[in-house]
Amino acid sequence: MQSEQSEELFDITGVVVRTAPDQSKAVAERLTEMKGVEVHAVGDEGNLVVTVEELDGEKFALKTIEDINNMPGVLSTSLVYHHTEDESTQKQETMQ
């Protein structure tokens, strides 16, 4: 029998967003307006490095990635990384 967890989970998902080269800056601007989304890099050829972060209970990452994929100027999205940990572990690491 598993014990019930009272800790909130923290999820981070890494996504490469491929855009038309002339659309990369406009797409990046729209992405920064989305909840939990951060743009880390914008390449000259239209590749963007993006993370989507969520806390337990929010569960919007999949919908957010779908919304990004359907955004005008976006050619494709590729999930390249996913990590989950409990929030208390993250807080302890930050304090050290």
PDB file of N, CA and C in Angstrom:
ATOM      1  N   MET A   1       0.841  -1.185   0.000  1.00  0.00           N
ATOM      2  CA  MET A   1       0.000   0.000   0.000  1.00  0.00           C
ATOM      3  C   MET A   1       0.884   1.245   0.000  1.00  0.00           C
ATOM      4  N   GLN A   2       0.650   2.142  -0.915  1.00  0.00           N
ATOM      5  CA  GLN A   2       1.453   3.343  -1.011  1.00  0.00           C
ATOM      6  C   GLN A   2       0.941   4.396  -0.048  1.00  0.00           C
ATOM      7  N   SER A   3       1.891   5.144   0.543  1.00  0.00           N
ATOM      8  CA  SER A   3       1.479   6.241   1.408  1.00  0.00           C
ATOM      9  C   SER A   3       1.069   7.425   0.545  1.00  0.00           C
ATOM     10  N   GLU A   4       0.132   8.175   1.055  1.00  0.00           N
ATOM     11  CA  GLU A   4      -0.369   9.330   0.329  1.00  0.00           C
ATOM     12  C   GLU A   4       0.660  10.450   0.404  1.00  0.00           C
ATOM     13  N   GLN A   5       0.984  11.063  -0.730  1.00  0.00           N
ATOM     14  CA  GLN A   5       1.934  12.160  -0.745  1.00  0.00           C
ATOM     15  C   GLN A   5       1.215  13.473  -0.497  1.00  0.00           C
ATOM     16  N   SER A   6       1.784  14.275   0.410  1.00  0.00           N
ATOM     17  CA  SER A   6       1.207  15.591   0.654  1.00  0.00           C
ATOM     18  C   SER A   6       2.022  16.678  -0.037  1.00  0.00           C
ATOM     19  N   GLU A   7       3.153  16.300  -0.620  1.00  0.00           N
ATOM     20  CA  GLU A   7       4.008  17.264  -1.299  1.00  0.00           C
ATOM     21  C   GLU A   7       3.453  17.559  -2.688  1.00  0.00           C
ATOM     22  N   GLU A   8       3.592  18.806  -3.107  1.00  0.00           N
ATOM     23  CA  GLU A   8       3.211  19.155  -4.465  1.00  0.00           C
ATOM     24  C   GLU A   8       4.334  18.762  -5.405  1.00  0.00           C
ATOM     25  N   LEU A   9       3.970  18.305  -6.586  1.00  0.00           N
ATOM     26  CA  LEU A   9       4.954  17.949  -7.588  1.00  0.00           C
ATOM     27  C   LEU A   9       5.212  19.138  -8.497  1.00  0.00           C
ATOM     28  N   PHE A  10       6.458  19.256  -8.916  1.00  0.00           N
ATOM     29  CA  PHE A  10       6.894  20.305  -9.822  1.00  0.00           C
ATOM     30  C   PHE A  10       7.316  19.618 -11.114  1.00  0.00           C
ATOM     31  N   ASP A  11       6.699  19.975 -12.225  1.00  0.00           N
ATOM     32  CA  ASP A  11       7.030  19.391 -13.527  1.00  0.00           C
ATOM     33  C   ASP A  11       7.651  20.446 -14.422  1.00  0.00           C
ATOM     34  N   ILE A  12       8.708  20.055 -15.120  1.00  0.00           N
ATOM     35  CA  ILE A  12       9.295  20.926 -16.131  1.00  0.00           C
ATOM     36  C   ILE A  12       9.432  20.116 -17.411  1.00  0.00           C
ATOM     37  N   THR A  13       8.994  20.701 -18.501  1.00  0.00           N
ATOM     38  CA  THR A  13       9.016  20.051 -19.802  1.00  0.00           C
ATOM     39  C   THR A  13       9.801  20.931 -20.762  1.00  0.00           C
ATOM     40  N   GLY A  14      10.773  20.338 -21.448  1.00  0.00           N
ATOM     41  CA  GLY A  14      11.556  21.050 -22.446  1.00  0.00           C
ATOM     42  C   GLY A  14      11.018  20.759 -23.835  1.00  0.00           C
ATOM     43  N   VAL A  15      10.860  21.807 -24.622  1.00  0.00           N
ATOM     44  CA  VAL A  15      10.281  21.676 -25.956  1.00  0.00           C
ATOM     45  C   VAL A  15      11.121  22.486 -26.944  1.00  0.00           C
ATOM     46  N   VAL A  16      11.395  21.893 -28.109  1.00  0.00           N
ATOM     47  CA  VAL A  16      11.977  22.648 -29.213  1.00  0.00           C
ATOM     48  C   VAL A  16      10.826  23.007 -30.142  1.00  0.00           C
ATOM     49  N   VAL A  17      10.703  24.295 -30.406  1.00  0.00           N
ATOM     50  CA  VAL A  17       9.637  24.797 -31.275  1.00  0.00           C
ATOM     51  C   VAL A  17      10.284  25.232 -32.587  1.00  0.00           C
ATOM     52  N   ARG A  18       9.836  24.649 -33.673  1.00  0.00           N
ATOM     53  CA  ARG A  18      10.358  24.984 -35.002  1.00  0.00           C
ATOM     54  C   ARG A  18       9.373  25.942 -35.656  1.00  0.00           C
ATOM     55  N   THR A  19       9.891  27.097 -36.084  1.00  0.00           N
ATOM     56  CA  THR A  19       9.053  28.109 -36.733  1.00  0.00           C
ATOM     57  C   THR A  19       9.621  28.445 -38.106  1.00  0.00           C
ATOM     58  N   ALA A  20       8.822  29.119 -38.893  1.00  0.00           N
ATOM     59  CA  ALA A  20       9.361  29.727 -40.104  1.00  0.00           C
ATOM     60  C   ALA A  20      10.369  30.781 -39.629  1.00  0.00           C
ATOM     61  N   PRO A  21      11.560  30.847 -40.244  1.00  0.00           N
ATOM     62  CA  PRO A  21      12.593  31.768 -39.755  1.00  0.00           C
ATOM     63  C   PRO A  21      12.122  33.208 -39.575  1.00  0.00           C
ATOM     64  N   ASP A  22      11.264  33.689 -40.460  1.00  0.00           N
ATOM     65  CA  ASP A  22      10.796  35.070 -40.343  1.00  0.00           C
ATOM     66  C   ASP A  22       9.713  35.241 -39.277  1.00  0.00           C
ATOM     67  N   GLN A  23       9.280  34.143 -38.662  1.00  0.00           N
ATOM     68  CA  GLN A  23       8.237  34.187 -37.632  1.00  0.00           C
ATOM     69  C   GLN A  23       8.763  33.939 -36.220  1.00  0.00           C
ATOM     70  N   SER A  24      10.049  33.603 -36.081  1.00  0.00           N
ATOM     71  CA  SER A  24      10.566  33.168 -34.779  1.00  0.00           C
ATOM     72  C   SER A  24      10.425  34.230 -33.685  1.00  0.00           C
ATOM     73  N   LYS A  25      10.711  35.475 -33.992  1.00  0.00           N
ATOM     74  CA  LYS A  25      10.610  36.518 -32.964  1.00  0.00           C
ATOM     75  C   LYS A  25       9.159  36.766 -32.555  1.00  0.00           C
ATOM     76  N   ALA A  26       8.248  36.774 -33.514  1.00  0.00           N
ATOM     77  CA  ALA A  26       6.827  36.980 -33.201  1.00  0.00           C
ATOM     78  C   ALA A  26       6.288  35.822 -32.369  1.00  0.00           C
ATOM     79  N   VAL A  27       6.669  34.597 -32.725  1.00  0.00           N
ATOM     80  CA  VAL A  27       6.231  33.430 -31.954  1.00  0.00           C
ATOM     81  C   VAL A  27       6.805  33.500 -30.545  1.00  0.00           C
ATOM     82  N   ALA A  28       8.079  33.851 -30.422  1.00  0.00           N
ATOM     83  CA  ALA A  28       8.711  33.957 -29.102  1.00  0.00           C
ATOM     84  C   ALA A  28       7.976  34.964 -28.223  1.00  0.00           C
ATOM     85  N   GLU A  29       7.575  36.081 -28.791  1.00  0.00           N
ATOM     86  CA  GLU A  29       6.829  37.087 -28.029  1.00  0.00           C
ATOM     87  C   GLU A  29       5.493  36.536 -27.544  1.00  0.00           C
ATOM     88  N   ARG A  30       4.793  35.813 -28.411  1.00  0.00           N
ATOM     89  CA  ARG A  30       3.508  35.227 -28.007  1.00  0.00           C
ATOM     90  C   ARG A  30       3.708  34.164 -26.928  1.00  0.00           C
ATOM     91  N   LEU A  31       4.789  33.404 -27.031  1.00  0.00           N
ATOM     92  CA  LEU A  31       5.052  32.354 -26.042  1.00  0.00           C
ATOM     93  C   LEU A  31       5.291  32.939 -24.655  1.00  0.00           C
ATOM     94  N   THR A  32       5.978  34.065 -24.575  1.00  0.00           N
ATOM     95  CA  THR A  32       6.279  34.655 -23.271  1.00  0.00           C
ATOM     96  C   THR A  32       5.025  35.145 -22.552  1.00  0.00           C
ATOM     97  N   GLU A  33       3.935  35.290 -23.281  1.00  0.00           N
ATOM     98  CA  GLU A  33       2.671  35.715 -22.674  1.00  0.00           C
ATOM     99  C   GLU A  33       1.871  34.542 -22.105  1.00  0.00           C
ATOM    100  N   MET A  34       2.326  33.323 -22.360  1.00  0.00           N
ATOM    101  CA  MET A  34       1.594  32.133 -21.917  1.00  0.00           C
ATOM    102  C   MET A  34       2.017  31.731 -20.507  1.00  0.00           C
ATOM    103  N   LYS A  35       1.060  31.295 -19.714  1.00  0.00           N
ATOM    104  CA  LYS A  35       1.308  30.865 -18.338  1.00  0.00           C
ATOM    105  C   LYS A  35       2.283  29.687 -18.308  1.00  0.00           C
ATOM    106  N   GLY A  36       3.332  29.813 -17.489  1.00  0.00           N
ATOM    107  CA  GLY A  36       4.272  28.727 -17.273  1.00  0.00           C
ATOM    108  C   GLY A  36       5.293  28.528 -18.374  1.00  0.00           C
ATOM    109  N   VAL A  37       5.284  29.375 -19.402  1.00  0.00           N
ATOM    110  CA  VAL A  37       6.173  29.204 -20.551  1.00  0.00           C
ATOM    111  C   VAL A  37       7.330  30.191 -20.460  1.00  0.00           C
ATOM    112  N   GLU A  38       8.531  29.684 -20.722  1.00  0.00           N
ATOM    113  CA  GLU A  38       9.714  30.537 -20.776  1.00  0.00           C
ATOM    114  C   GLU A  38      10.498  30.193 -22.033  1.00  0.00           C
ATOM    115  N   VAL A  39      10.899  31.217 -22.784  1.00  0.00           N
ATOM    116  CA  VAL A  39      11.714  31.035 -23.983  1.00  0.00           C
ATOM    117  C   VAL A  39      13.167  31.252 -23.573  1.00  0.00           C
ATOM    118  N   HIS A  40      14.005  30.246 -23.802  1.00  0.00           N
ATOM    119  CA  HIS A  40      15.403  30.310 -23.383  1.00  0.00           C
ATOM    120  C   HIS A  40      16.341  30.700 -24.517  1.00  0.00           C
ATOM    121  N   ALA A  41      15.971  30.390 -25.752  1.00  0.00           N
ATOM    122  CA  ALA A  41      16.827  30.722 -26.892  1.00  0.00           C
ATOM    123  C   ALA A  41      15.983  30.801 -28.156  1.00  0.00           C
ATOM    124  N   VAL A  42      16.392  31.725 -29.031  1.00  0.00           N
ATOM    125  CA  VAL A  42      15.758  31.869 -30.341  1.00  0.00           C
ATOM    126  C   VAL A  42      16.868  31.799 -31.374  1.00  0.00           C
ATOM    127  N   GLY A  43      16.860  30.747 -32.199  1.00  0.00           N
ATOM    128  CA  GLY A  43      17.891  30.575 -33.220  1.00  0.00           C
ATOM    129  C   GLY A  43      17.549  31.310 -34.501  1.00  0.00           C
ATOM    130  N   ASP A  44      18.583  31.608 -35.288  1.00  0.00           N
ATOM    131  CA  ASP A  44      18.403  32.323 -36.551  1.00  0.00           C
ATOM    132  C   ASP A  44      17.582  31.542 -37.570  1.00  0.00           C
ATOM    133  N   GLU A  45      17.596  30.213 -37.472  1.00  0.00           N
ATOM    134  CA  GLU A  45      16.903  29.387 -38.461  1.00  0.00           C
ATOM    135  C   GLU A  45      15.489  29.006 -38.025  1.00  0.00           C
ATOM    136  N   GLY A  46      14.996  29.603 -36.940  1.00  0.00           N
ATOM    137  CA  GLY A  46      13.617  29.378 -36.529  1.00  0.00           C
ATOM    138  C   GLY A  46      13.410  28.385 -35.411  1.00  0.00           C
ATOM    139  N   ASN A  47      14.484  27.931 -34.759  1.00  0.00           N
ATOM    140  CA  ASN A  47      14.343  27.009 -33.627  1.00  0.00           C
ATOM    141  C   ASN A  47      14.302  27.784 -32.319  1.00  0.00           C
ATOM    142  N   LEU A  48      13.335  27.464 -31.465  1.00  0.00           N
ATOM    143  CA  LEU A  48      13.222  28.080 -30.150  1.00  0.00           C
ATOM    144  C   LEU A  48      13.347  26.995 -29.092  1.00  0.00           C
ATOM    145  N   VAL A  49      14.069  27.297 -28.030  1.00  0.00           N
ATOM    146  CA  VAL A  49      14.173  26.396 -26.885  1.00  0.00           C
ATOM    147  C   VAL A  49      13.243  26.948 -25.813  1.00  0.00           C
ATOM    148  N   VAL A  50      12.282  26.117 -25.396  1.00  0.00           N
ATOM    149  CA  VAL A  50      11.196  26.566 -24.528  1.00  0.00           C
ATOM    150  C   VAL A  50      11.021  25.580 -23.380  1.00  0.00           C
ATOM    151  N   THR A  51      10.677  26.100 -22.191  1.00  0.00           N
ATOM    152  CA  THR A  51      10.251  25.224 -21.103  1.00  0.00           C
ATOM    153  C   THR A  51       8.825  25.577 -20.704  1.00  0.00           C
ATOM    154  N   VAL A  52       8.123  24.538 -20.259  1.00  0.00           N
ATOM    155  CA  VAL A  52       6.780  24.692 -19.703  1.00  0.00           C
ATOM    156  C   VAL A  52       6.849  24.136 -18.292  1.00  0.00           C
ATOM    157  N   GLU A  53       6.540  24.966 -17.299  1.00  0.00           N
ATOM    158  CA  GLU A  53       6.598  24.558 -15.895  1.00  0.00           C
ATOM    159  C   GLU A  53       5.199  24.558 -15.301  1.00  0.00           C
ATOM    160  N   GLU A  54       4.938  23.559 -14.454  1.00  0.00           N
ATOM    161  CA  GLU A  54       3.636  23.498 -13.778  1.00  0.00           C
ATOM    162  C   GLU A  54       3.805  22.868 -12.407  1.00  0.00           C
ATOM    163  N   LEU A  55       2.910  23.235 -11.500  1.00  0.00           N
ATOM    164  CA  LEU A  55       2.837  22.621 -10.184  1.00  0.00           C
ATOM    165  C   LEU A  55       1.721  21.598 -10.183  1.00  0.00           C
ATOM    166  N   ASP A  56       1.814  20.658  -9.253  1.00  0.00           N
ATOM    167  CA  ASP A  56       0.813  19.604  -9.136  1.00  0.00           C
ATOM    168  C   ASP A  56      -0.585  20.210  -9.061  1.00  0.00           C
ATOM    169  N   GLY A  57      -1.488  19.619  -9.774  1.00  0.00           N
ATOM    170  CA  GLY A  57      -2.862  20.102  -9.760  1.00  0.00           C
ATOM    171  C   GLY A  57      -3.186  21.025 -10.918  1.00  0.00           C
ATOM    172  N   GLU A  58      -2.181  21.661 -11.498  1.00  0.00           N
ATOM    173  CA  GLU A  58      -2.449  22.574 -12.612  1.00  0.00           C
ATOM    174  C   GLU A  58      -2.665  21.802 -13.909  1.00  0.00           C
ATOM    175  N   LYS A  59      -1.779  20.898 -14.219  1.00  0.00           N
ATOM    176  CA  LYS A  59      -1.900  19.985 -15.363  1.00  0.00           C
ATOM    177  C   LYS A  59      -2.273  20.671 -16.671  1.00  0.00           C
ATOM    178  N   PHE A  60      -1.520  21.704 -17.013  1.00  0.00           N
ATOM    179  CA  PHE A  60      -1.794  22.408 -18.256  1.00  0.00           C
ATOM    180  C   PHE A  60      -0.697  22.231 -19.296  1.00  0.00           C
ATOM    181  N   ALA A  61       0.381  21.520 -18.988  1.00  0.00           N
ATOM    182  CA  ALA A  61       1.523  21.423 -19.901  1.00  0.00           C
ATOM    183  C   ALA A  61       1.146  20.817 -21.247  1.00  0.00           C
ATOM    184  N   LEU A  62       0.427  19.712 -21.237  1.00  0.00           N
ATOM    185  CA  LEU A  62       0.053  19.070 -22.499  1.00  0.00           C
ATOM    186  C   LEU A  62      -0.801  19.999 -23.355  1.00  0.00           C
ATOM    187  N   LYS A  63      -1.762  20.665 -22.736  1.00  0.00           N
ATOM    188  CA  LYS A  63      -2.614  21.617 -23.457  1.00  0.00           C
ATOM    189  C   LYS A  63      -1.781  22.789 -23.971  1.00  0.00           C
ATOM    190  N   THR A  64      -0.822  23.252 -23.170  1.00  0.00           N
ATOM    191  CA  THR A  64       0.037  24.360 -23.585  1.00  0.00           C
ATOM    192  C   THR A  64       0.866  23.973 -24.802  1.00  0.00           C
ATOM    193  N   ILE A  65       1.442  22.774 -24.784  1.00  0.00           N
ATOM    194  CA  ILE A  65       2.240  22.316 -25.926  1.00  0.00           C
ATOM    195  C   ILE A  65       1.361  22.186 -27.169  1.00  0.00           C
ATOM    196  N   GLU A  66       0.154  21.700 -26.996  1.00  0.00           N
ATOM    197  CA  GLU A  66      -0.794  21.612 -28.113  1.00  0.00           C
ATOM    198  C   GLU A  66      -1.113  23.005 -28.656  1.00  0.00           C
ATOM    199  N   ASP A  67      -1.322  23.972 -27.751  1.00  0.00           N
ATOM    200  CA  ASP A  67      -1.605  25.351 -28.175  1.00  0.00           C
ATOM    201  C   ASP A  67      -0.416  25.946 -28.926  1.00  0.00           C
ATOM    202  N   ILE A  68       0.800  25.661 -28.454  1.00  0.00           N
ATOM    203  CA  ILE A  68       2.002  26.146 -29.140  1.00  0.00           C
ATOM    204  C   ILE A  68       2.058  25.553 -30.545  1.00  0.00           C
ATOM    205  N   ASN A  69       1.826  24.258 -30.648  1.00  0.00           N
ATOM    206  CA  ASN A  69       1.889  23.574 -31.943  1.00  0.00           C
ATOM    207  C   ASN A  69       0.878  24.144 -32.937  1.00  0.00           C
ATOM    208  N   ASN A  70      -0.254  24.624 -32.446  1.00  0.00           N
ATOM    209  CA  ASN A  70      -1.302  25.179 -33.312  1.00  0.00           C
ATOM    210  C   ASN A  70      -1.169  26.685 -33.541  1.00  0.00           C
ATOM    211  N   MET A  71      -0.147  27.298 -32.974  1.00  0.00           N
ATOM    212  CA  MET A  71       0.052  28.740 -33.086  1.00  0.00           C
ATOM    213  C   MET A  71       0.485  29.115 -34.516  1.00  0.00           C
ATOM    214  N   PRO A  72      -0.035  30.219 -35.053  1.00  0.00           N
ATOM    215  CA  PRO A  72       0.406  30.670 -36.378  1.00  0.00           C
ATOM    216  C   PRO A  72       1.923  30.880 -36.404  1.00  0.00           C
ATOM    217  N   GLY A  73       2.561  30.394 -37.456  1.00  0.00           N
ATOM    218  CA  GLY A  73       4.009  30.534 -37.602  1.00  0.00           C
ATOM    219  C   GLY A  73       4.796  29.352 -37.071  1.00  0.00           C
ATOM    220  N   VAL A  74       4.151  28.473 -36.295  1.00  0.00           N
ATOM    221  CA  VAL A  74       4.831  27.297 -35.742  1.00  0.00           C
ATOM    222  C   VAL A  74       4.686  26.139 -36.724  1.00  0.00           C
ATOM    223  N   LEU A  75       5.825  25.531 -37.062  1.00  0.00           N
ATOM    224  CA  LEU A  75       5.822  24.391 -37.978  1.00  0.00           C
ATOM    225  C   LEU A  75       5.700  23.073 -37.224  1.00  0.00           C
ATOM    226  N   SER A  76       6.354  22.984 -36.049  1.00  0.00           N
ATOM    227  CA  SER A  76       6.286  21.757 -35.252  1.00  0.00           C
ATOM    228  C   SER A  76       6.794  22.017 -33.844  1.00  0.00           C
ATOM    229  N   THR A  77       6.443  21.103 -32.938  1.00  0.00           N
ATOM    230  CA  THR A  77       6.988  21.109 -31.582  1.00  0.00           C
ATOM    231  C   THR A  77       7.524  19.716 -31.293  1.00  0.00           C
ATOM    232  N   SER A  78       8.633  19.657 -30.560  1.00  0.00           N
ATOM    233  CA  SER A  78       9.223  18.370 -30.184  1.00  0.00           C
ATOM    234  C   SER A  78       9.506  18.370 -28.692  1.00  0.00           C
ATOM    235  N   LEU A  79       8.913  17.429 -27.984  1.00  0.00           N
ATOM    236  CA  LEU A  79       9.188  17.255 -26.563  1.00  0.00           C
ATOM    237  C   LEU A  79      10.575  16.634 -26.443  1.00  0.00           C
ATOM    238  N   VAL A  80      11.490  17.310 -25.761  1.00  0.00           N
ATOM    239  CA  VAL A  80      12.862  16.811 -25.672  1.00  0.00           C
ATOM    240  C   VAL A  80      13.296  16.507 -24.247  1.00  0.00           C
ATOM    241  N   TYR A  81      12.495  16.924 -23.256  1.00  0.00           N
ATOM    242  CA  TYR A  81      12.885  16.715 -21.866  1.00  0.00           C
ATOM    243  C   TYR A  81      11.654  16.800 -20.980  1.00  0.00           C
ATOM    244  N   HIS A  82      11.625  15.947 -19.948  1.00  0.00           N
ATOM    245  CA  HIS A  82      10.579  16.044 -18.935  1.00  0.00           C
ATOM    246  C   HIS A  82      11.167  15.607 -17.606  1.00  0.00           C
ATOM    247  N   HIS A  83      10.897  16.380 -16.559  1.00  0.00           N
ATOM    248  CA  HIS A  83      11.398  16.062 -15.226  1.00  0.00           C
ATOM    249  C   HIS A  83      10.326  16.410 -14.201  1.00  0.00           C
ATOM    250  N   THR A  84      10.173  15.530 -13.206  1.00  0.00           N
ATOM    251  CA  THR A  84       9.230  15.755 -12.113  1.00  0.00           C
ATOM    252  C   THR A  84       9.955  15.551 -10.799  1.00  0.00           C
ATOM    253  N   GLU A  85       9.718  16.438  -9.854  1.00  0.00           N
ATOM    254  CA  GLU A  85      10.216  16.248  -8.488  1.00  0.00           C
ATOM    255  C   GLU A  85       9.253  16.926  -7.533  1.00  0.00           C
ATOM    256  N   ASP A  86       9.353  16.537  -6.251  1.00  0.00           N
ATOM    257  CA  ASP A  86       8.461  17.209  -5.313  1.00  0.00           C
ATOM    258  C   ASP A  86       9.035  18.575  -4.977  1.00  0.00           C
ATOM    259  N   GLU A  87       8.141  19.500  -4.704  1.00  0.00           N
ATOM    260  CA  GLU A  87       8.505  20.898  -4.503  1.00  0.00           C
ATOM    261  C   GLU A  87       9.443  21.083  -3.312  1.00  0.00           C
ATOM    262  N   SER A  88       9.324  20.269  -2.273  1.00  0.00           N
ATOM    263  CA  SER A  88      10.185  20.421  -1.101  1.00  0.00           C
ATOM    264  C   SER A  88      11.635  20.120  -1.448  1.00  0.00           C
ATOM    265  N   THR A  89      11.888  19.173  -2.349  1.00  0.00           N
ATOM    266  CA  THR A  89      13.250  18.877  -2.787  1.00  0.00           C
ATOM    267  C   THR A  89      13.833  20.070  -3.514  1.00  0.00           C
ATOM    268  N   GLN A  90      13.048  20.688  -4.367  1.00  0.00           N
ATOM    269  CA  GLN A  90      13.502  21.854  -5.107  1.00  0.00           C
ATOM    270  C   GLN A  90      13.837  22.998  -4.155  1.00  0.00           C
ATOM    271  N   LYS A  91      13.005  23.229  -3.138  1.00  0.00           N
ATOM    272  CA  LYS A  91      13.253  24.301  -2.174  1.00  0.00           C
ATOM    273  C   LYS A  91      14.535  24.045  -1.394  1.00  0.00           C
ATOM    274  N   GLN A  92      14.788  22.788  -0.995  1.00  0.00           N
ATOM    275  CA  GLN A  92      15.994  22.444  -0.251  1.00  0.00           C
ATOM    276  C   GLN A  92      17.234  22.698  -1.092  1.00  0.00           C
ATOM    277  N   GLU A  93      17.208  22.338  -2.375  1.00  0.00           N
ATOM    278  CA  GLU A  93      18.348  22.550  -3.252  1.00  0.00           C
ATOM    279  C   GLU A  93      18.606  24.035  -3.464  1.00  0.00           C
ATOM    280  N   THR A  94      17.568  24.840  -3.528  1.00  0.00           N
ATOM    281  CA  THR A  94      17.703  26.278  -3.713  1.00  0.00           C
ATOM    282  C   THR A  94      18.350  26.926  -2.493  1.00  0.00           C
ATOM    283  N   MET A  95      18.065  26.417  -1.301  1.00  0.00           N
ATOM    284  CA  MET A  95      18.575  27.000  -0.068  1.00  0.00           C
ATOM    285  C   MET A  95      20.049  26.676   0.157  1.00  0.00           C
ATOM    286  N   GLN A  96      20.570  25.651  -0.483  1.00  0.00           N
ATOM    287  CA  GLN A  96      21.965  25.245  -0.262  1.00  0.00           C
ATOM    288  C   GLN A  96      22.938  26.110  -0.989  1.00  0.00           C
TER     289      GLN A  96
END
